[in-house]
Amino acid sequence: MSTRHGELATFLVHEQWRLEQLAYDIAGHRCTARECAETAAAVERVSVVLREYAASLPFERFGDDPGSSTVVEGGSGD
C-alpha cells in the first residue's frame, strides 16, 4: 500500500472510530452538543478528502463493465 493510500486508510479508520464512539454515546445518552458538532465537522472533512481522492481515480476500473464477462482458461472444465 502506498503512503498516500495508507494515510487515507488510516484517516478513514480513525473517523470510523469517532463515529462509533458517537453512536455509543448517543445510545447511552452521554452525547454532548460539542461532540455532535465536532463529529459533524469530521464527517464533512471525510467527504472533502474522499472527493479529492476520487478525482484522482478513473471512474471505473477496467473489466468492471457489468455486461462483460471474463474467460478463464485452464479451469477444471477444460
Protein backbone atom coordinates (compact mmCIF):
# COMPACT_ATOMS: atom_id res chain seq x y z
CA MET A 1 0.00 0.00 0.00
CA SER A 2 1.48 3.34 -0.98
CA THR A 3 1.91 6.11 1.57
CA ARG A 4 -0.97 8.09 0.10
CA HIS A 5 -3.30 5.09 0.24
CA GLY A 6 -2.11 4.15 3.71
CA GLU A 7 -2.63 7.66 5.04
CA LEU A 8 -6.14 7.76 3.59
CA ALA A 9 -6.96 4.35 5.05
CA THR A 10 -5.64 5.40 8.47
CA PHE A 11 -7.63 8.63 8.34
CA LEU A 12 -10.82 6.75 7.43
CA VAL A 13 -10.36 4.16 10.19
CA HIS A 14 -9.86 6.95 12.74
CA GLU A 15 -13.01 8.73 11.62
CA GLN A 16 -14.91 5.43 11.67
CA TRP A 17 -13.82 5.04 15.29
CA ARG A 18 -15.06 8.58 16.01
CA LEU A 19 -18.48 7.73 14.54
CA GLU A 20 -18.66 4.51 16.55
CA GLN A 21 -17.87 6.42 19.75
CA LEU A 22 -20.58 8.95 18.97
CA ALA A 23 -23.08 6.17 18.31
CA TYR A 24 -22.33 4.60 21.70
CA ASP A 25 -22.56 7.98 23.43
CA ILE A 26 -25.87 8.74 21.74
CA ALA A 27 -27.28 5.33 22.69
CA GLY A 28 -26.12 5.83 26.28
CA HIS A 29 -27.50 9.38 26.48
CA ARG A 30 -23.94 10.70 27.09
CA CYS A 31 -23.58 12.73 23.90
CA THR A 32 -22.85 16.45 24.10
CA ALA A 33 -23.59 19.20 21.61
CA ARG A 34 -19.84 19.74 21.22
CA GLU A 35 -19.25 16.06 20.40
CA CYS A 36 -22.02 16.16 17.78
CA ALA A 37 -20.66 19.36 16.22
CA GLU A 38 -17.07 18.07 16.15
CA THR A 39 -18.14 14.78 14.61
CA ALA A 40 -20.26 16.57 12.00
CA ALA A 41 -17.22 18.66 11.04
CA ALA A 42 -15.13 15.48 10.82
CA VAL A 43 -17.70 13.87 8.52
CA GLU A 44 -17.53 16.94 6.29
CA ARG A 45 -13.72 16.59 6.18
CA VAL A 46 -14.11 12.92 5.23
CA SER A 47 -16.40 13.97 2.39
CA VAL A 48 -13.88 16.50 1.08
CA VAL A 49 -10.95 14.09 1.34
CA LEU A 50 -12.86 11.30 -0.42
CA ARG A 51 -13.97 13.62 -3.23
CA GLU A 52 -10.37 14.76 -3.74
CA TYR A 53 -9.16 11.17 -3.76
CA ALA A 54 -11.93 10.10 -6.15
CA ALA A 55 -10.97 12.89 -8.54
CA SER A 56 -7.56 11.23 -8.95
CA LEU A 57 -9.04 7.84 -9.89
CA PRO A 58 -10.54 6.53 -13.12
CA PHE A 59 -14.33 6.49 -12.97
CA GLU A 60 -14.48 2.72 -13.49
CA ARG A 61 -11.84 0.04 -13.22
CA PHE A 62 -11.01 -1.89 -16.35
CA GLY A 63 -13.13 -5.01 -16.64
CA ASP A 64 -15.90 -3.64 -14.43
CA ASP A 65 -18.40 -3.35 -17.28
CA PRO A 66 -21.46 -5.19 -15.93
CA GLY A 67 -22.21 -6.54 -19.41
CA SER A 68 -18.77 -8.05 -19.91
CA SER A 69 -17.59 -11.48 -18.97
CA THR A 70 -14.17 -12.84 -18.21
CA VAL A 71 -12.96 -16.08 -19.73
CA VAL A 72 -10.65 -18.09 -17.52
CA GLU A 73 -8.61 -20.74 -19.28
CA GLY A 74 -7.22 -23.82 -17.64
CA GLY A 75 -10.10 -24.37 -15.25
CA SER A 76 -11.33 -27.81 -14.21
CA GLY A 77 -13.81 -27.88 -17.10
CA ASP A 78 -11.06 -27.84 -19.79
